[in-house]
N, C-alpha and C. Protein backbone atom coordinates (compact mmCIF):
# COMPACT_ATOMS: atom_id res chain seq x y z
N MET A 1 0.84 -1.18 0.00
CA MET A 1 0.00 0.00 0.00
C MET A 1 0.89 1.25 0.00
N PRO A 2 1.23 1.78 -1.17
CA PRO A 2 2.17 2.90 -1.26
C PRO A 2 1.57 4.22 -0.75
N GLY A 3 0.27 4.37 -0.71
CA GLY A 3 -0.35 5.63 -0.27
C GLY A 3 -0.18 5.88 1.21
N ALA A 4 -0.12 4.82 2.02
CA ALA A 4 0.00 4.98 3.46
C ALA A 4 1.34 5.60 3.83
N SER A 5 2.39 5.22 3.14
CA SER A 5 3.71 5.76 3.41
C SER A 5 3.76 7.25 3.09
N THR A 6 3.18 7.61 1.96
CA THR A 6 3.14 9.02 1.56
C THR A 6 2.30 9.83 2.52
N LEU A 7 1.15 9.29 2.94
CA LEU A 7 0.29 9.99 3.88
C LEU A 7 1.00 10.19 5.22
N GLY A 8 1.71 9.19 5.68
CA GLY A 8 2.46 9.31 6.93
C GLY A 8 3.54 10.38 6.83
N HIS A 9 4.19 10.45 5.68
CA HIS A 9 5.23 11.45 5.47
C HIS A 9 4.63 12.85 5.48
N VAL A 10 3.50 13.03 4.81
CA VAL A 10 2.83 14.34 4.75
C VAL A 10 2.39 14.75 6.15
N LEU A 11 1.81 13.83 6.91
CA LEU A 11 1.37 14.15 8.27
C LEU A 11 2.55 14.52 9.16
N ARG A 12 3.68 13.85 9.00
CA ARG A 12 4.86 14.16 9.79
C ARG A 12 5.37 15.56 9.45
N VAL A 13 5.39 15.92 8.18
CA VAL A 13 5.83 17.25 7.76
C VAL A 13 4.88 18.31 8.31
N LEU A 14 3.58 18.06 8.26
CA LEU A 14 2.60 19.00 8.81
C LEU A 14 2.77 19.17 10.31
N LEU A 15 3.06 18.10 11.00
CA LEU A 15 3.29 18.18 12.44
C LEU A 15 4.53 19.02 12.74
N TYR A 16 5.60 18.82 11.99
CA TYR A 16 6.81 19.61 12.18
C TYR A 16 6.53 21.10 11.91
N LEU A 17 5.80 21.38 10.84
CA LEU A 17 5.47 22.77 10.52
C LEU A 17 4.62 23.41 11.62
N LEU A 18 3.69 22.66 12.17
CA LEU A 18 2.85 23.16 13.25
C LEU A 18 3.69 23.48 14.49
N ILE A 19 4.62 22.60 14.81
CA ILE A 19 5.49 22.83 15.98
C ILE A 19 6.38 24.06 15.75
N ILE A 20 6.93 24.18 14.56
CA ILE A 20 7.78 25.32 14.25
C ILE A 20 6.98 26.62 14.31
N ALA A 21 5.75 26.61 13.78
CA ALA A 21 4.90 27.80 13.82
C ALA A 21 4.56 28.18 15.26
N ALA A 22 4.30 27.19 16.10
CA ALA A 22 3.98 27.47 17.51
C ALA A 22 5.18 28.07 18.23
N VAL A 23 6.36 27.58 17.95
CA VAL A 23 7.57 28.12 18.59
C VAL A 23 7.81 29.56 18.12
N ILE A 24 7.68 29.80 16.83
CA ILE A 24 7.87 31.16 16.31
C ILE A 24 6.83 32.11 16.91
N TYR A 25 5.59 31.66 17.01
CA TYR A 25 4.54 32.49 17.61
C TYR A 25 4.89 32.82 19.06
N ALA A 26 5.34 31.83 19.81
CA ALA A 26 5.67 32.05 21.22
C ALA A 26 6.83 33.04 21.36
N VAL A 27 7.81 32.96 20.49
CA VAL A 27 8.95 33.89 20.55
C VAL A 27 8.48 35.31 20.28
N PHE A 28 7.70 35.50 19.21
CA PHE A 28 7.23 36.85 18.89
C PHE A 28 6.26 37.37 19.96
N TRP A 29 5.45 36.50 20.53
CA TRP A 29 4.52 36.91 21.58
C TRP A 29 5.29 37.40 22.80
N SER A 30 6.34 36.67 23.18
CA SER A 30 7.11 37.08 24.35
C SER A 30 7.88 38.38 24.08
N ILE A 31 8.40 38.55 22.87
CA ILE A 31 9.08 39.81 22.52
C ILE A 31 8.09 40.96 22.57
N ASN A 32 6.89 40.75 22.06
CA ASN A 32 5.87 41.80 22.07
C ASN A 32 5.47 42.16 23.50
N ARG A 33 5.33 41.18 24.36
CA ARG A 33 4.97 41.45 25.75
C ARG A 33 6.09 42.19 26.48
N ARG A 34 7.30 41.87 26.16
CA ARG A 34 8.44 42.52 26.81
C ARG A 34 8.53 43.99 26.40
N ASN A 35 8.20 44.31 25.15
CA ASN A 35 8.30 45.67 24.65
C ASN A 35 7.04 46.49 24.90
N ALA A 36 6.00 45.90 25.43
CA ALA A 36 4.75 46.62 25.66
C ALA A 36 4.93 47.60 26.81
N ASP A 37 4.13 48.67 26.79
CA ASP A 37 4.15 49.64 27.89
C ASP A 37 3.63 48.98 29.15
N PRO A 38 4.25 49.27 30.29
CA PRO A 38 3.77 48.67 31.53
C PRO A 38 2.37 49.14 31.90
N GLY A 39 2.00 50.35 31.51
CA GLY A 39 0.67 50.85 31.83
C GLY A 39 -0.41 50.34 30.89
N SER A 40 -0.03 49.69 29.80
CA SER A 40 -1.03 49.25 28.83
C SER A 40 -1.84 48.07 29.34
N GLN A 41 -1.36 47.37 30.35
CA GLN A 41 -2.08 46.23 30.88
C GLN A 41 -3.04 46.60 32.00
N SER A 42 -3.02 47.86 32.44
CA SER A 42 -3.88 48.27 33.54
C SER A 42 -5.32 48.39 33.07
N SER A 43 -6.23 48.42 34.04
CA SER A 43 -7.65 48.51 33.71
C SER A 43 -8.16 49.94 33.78
N ALA A 44 -7.24 50.92 33.82
CA ALA A 44 -7.65 52.33 33.87
C ALA A 44 -8.32 52.71 32.55
N PRO A 45 -9.32 53.57 32.61
CA PRO A 45 -9.99 53.97 31.37
C PRO A 45 -9.06 54.80 30.49
N ASP A 46 -9.29 54.75 29.21
CA ASP A 46 -8.49 55.48 28.24
C ASP A 46 -8.81 56.97 28.35
N PRO A 47 -7.81 57.84 28.59
CA PRO A 47 -8.10 59.27 28.76
C PRO A 47 -8.45 59.97 27.46
N ARG A 48 -8.13 59.36 26.32
CA ARG A 48 -8.42 60.01 25.04
C ARG A 48 -9.91 59.92 24.73
N PRO A 49 -10.49 61.00 24.23
CA PRO A 49 -11.91 60.92 23.85
C PRO A 49 -12.06 60.03 22.63
N ARG A 50 -13.11 59.26 22.63
CA ARG A 50 -13.36 58.36 21.51
C ARG A 50 -14.43 58.95 20.63
N GLY A 51 -14.27 58.78 19.35
CA GLY A 51 -15.25 59.28 18.40
C GLY A 51 -16.46 58.35 18.35
N PRO A 52 -17.47 58.77 17.63
CA PRO A 52 -18.67 57.93 17.51
C PRO A 52 -18.35 56.59 16.86
N LEU A 53 -18.99 55.56 17.33
CA LEU A 53 -18.77 54.23 16.78
C LEU A 53 -19.70 53.95 15.61
N GLY A 54 -20.83 54.58 15.59
CA GLY A 54 -21.79 54.38 14.52
C GLY A 54 -22.68 55.60 14.42
N PRO A 55 -23.57 55.64 13.42
CA PRO A 55 -24.45 56.80 13.26
C PRO A 55 -25.33 57.04 14.48
N ASP A 56 -25.75 55.98 15.16
CA ASP A 56 -26.63 56.17 16.30
C ASP A 56 -25.90 56.68 17.53
N ASP A 57 -24.56 56.78 17.50
CA ASP A 57 -23.78 57.34 18.60
C ASP A 57 -23.37 58.79 18.33
N ASP A 58 -23.63 59.29 17.13
CA ASP A 58 -23.22 60.63 16.73
C ASP A 58 -24.33 61.61 17.09
N GLU A 59 -24.04 62.52 18.03
CA GLU A 59 -25.05 63.46 18.51
C GLU A 59 -25.57 64.35 17.38
N ASP A 60 -24.69 64.82 16.51
CA ASP A 60 -25.13 65.68 15.41
C ASP A 60 -26.06 64.93 14.47
N PHE A 61 -25.75 63.69 14.18
CA PHE A 61 -26.59 62.89 13.30
C PHE A 61 -27.98 62.69 13.91
N LEU A 62 -28.02 62.36 15.20
CA LEU A 62 -29.30 62.15 15.87
C LEU A 62 -30.11 63.45 15.94
N ARG A 63 -29.43 64.55 16.20
CA ARG A 63 -30.12 65.84 16.25
C ARG A 63 -30.72 66.17 14.89
N GLU A 64 -29.98 65.93 13.82
CA GLU A 64 -30.49 66.19 12.46
C GLU A 64 -31.68 65.28 12.14
N LEU A 65 -31.61 64.03 12.55
CA LEU A 65 -32.76 63.13 12.33
C LEU A 65 -33.99 63.62 13.07
N ASP A 66 -33.80 64.06 14.30
CA ASP A 66 -34.92 64.56 15.09
C ASP A 66 -35.51 65.81 14.46
N ARG A 67 -34.64 66.71 13.96
CA ARG A 67 -35.12 67.93 13.32
C ARG A 67 -35.91 67.60 12.06
N LYS A 68 -35.42 66.68 11.26
CA LYS A 68 -36.13 66.29 10.04
C LYS A 68 -37.47 65.64 10.36
N ARG A 69 -37.49 64.84 11.42
CA ARG A 69 -38.73 64.17 11.79
C ARG A 69 -39.78 65.17 12.26
N LYS A 70 -39.36 66.18 13.01
CA LYS A 70 -40.30 67.17 13.52
C LYS A 70 -40.82 68.10 12.43
N HIS A 71 -39.99 68.40 11.43
CA HIS A 71 -40.38 69.32 10.37
C HIS A 71 -40.96 68.64 9.15
N ARG A 72 -41.08 67.35 9.19
CA ARG A 72 -41.65 66.61 8.07
C ARG A 72 -43.16 66.78 8.08
N PRO A 73 -43.76 67.03 6.92
CA PRO A 73 -45.24 67.15 6.90
C PRO A 73 -45.87 65.81 7.24
N GLU A 74 -46.96 65.88 7.96
CA GLU A 74 -47.67 64.67 8.36
C GLU A 74 -48.23 63.96 7.13
N GLU A 75 -48.11 62.66 7.11
CA GLU A 75 -48.59 61.88 5.95
C GLU A 75 -49.94 61.32 6.24
């Protein structure tokens, strides 16, 4: 059965690649953690103001919708 030998070889190569990828990921993850700001892991709120996330969070957009709704002729 020649296919079983080839399949075993492919699976072994995939296993080696998976192990190598995991080691590379761990190295880069540890380097990234080492270079991160010490304050970035704290649970303090972000002091920078955040912009609207969507149209329903934008005060100007909601105000304009309300104005249009109030000034729209009744149907």
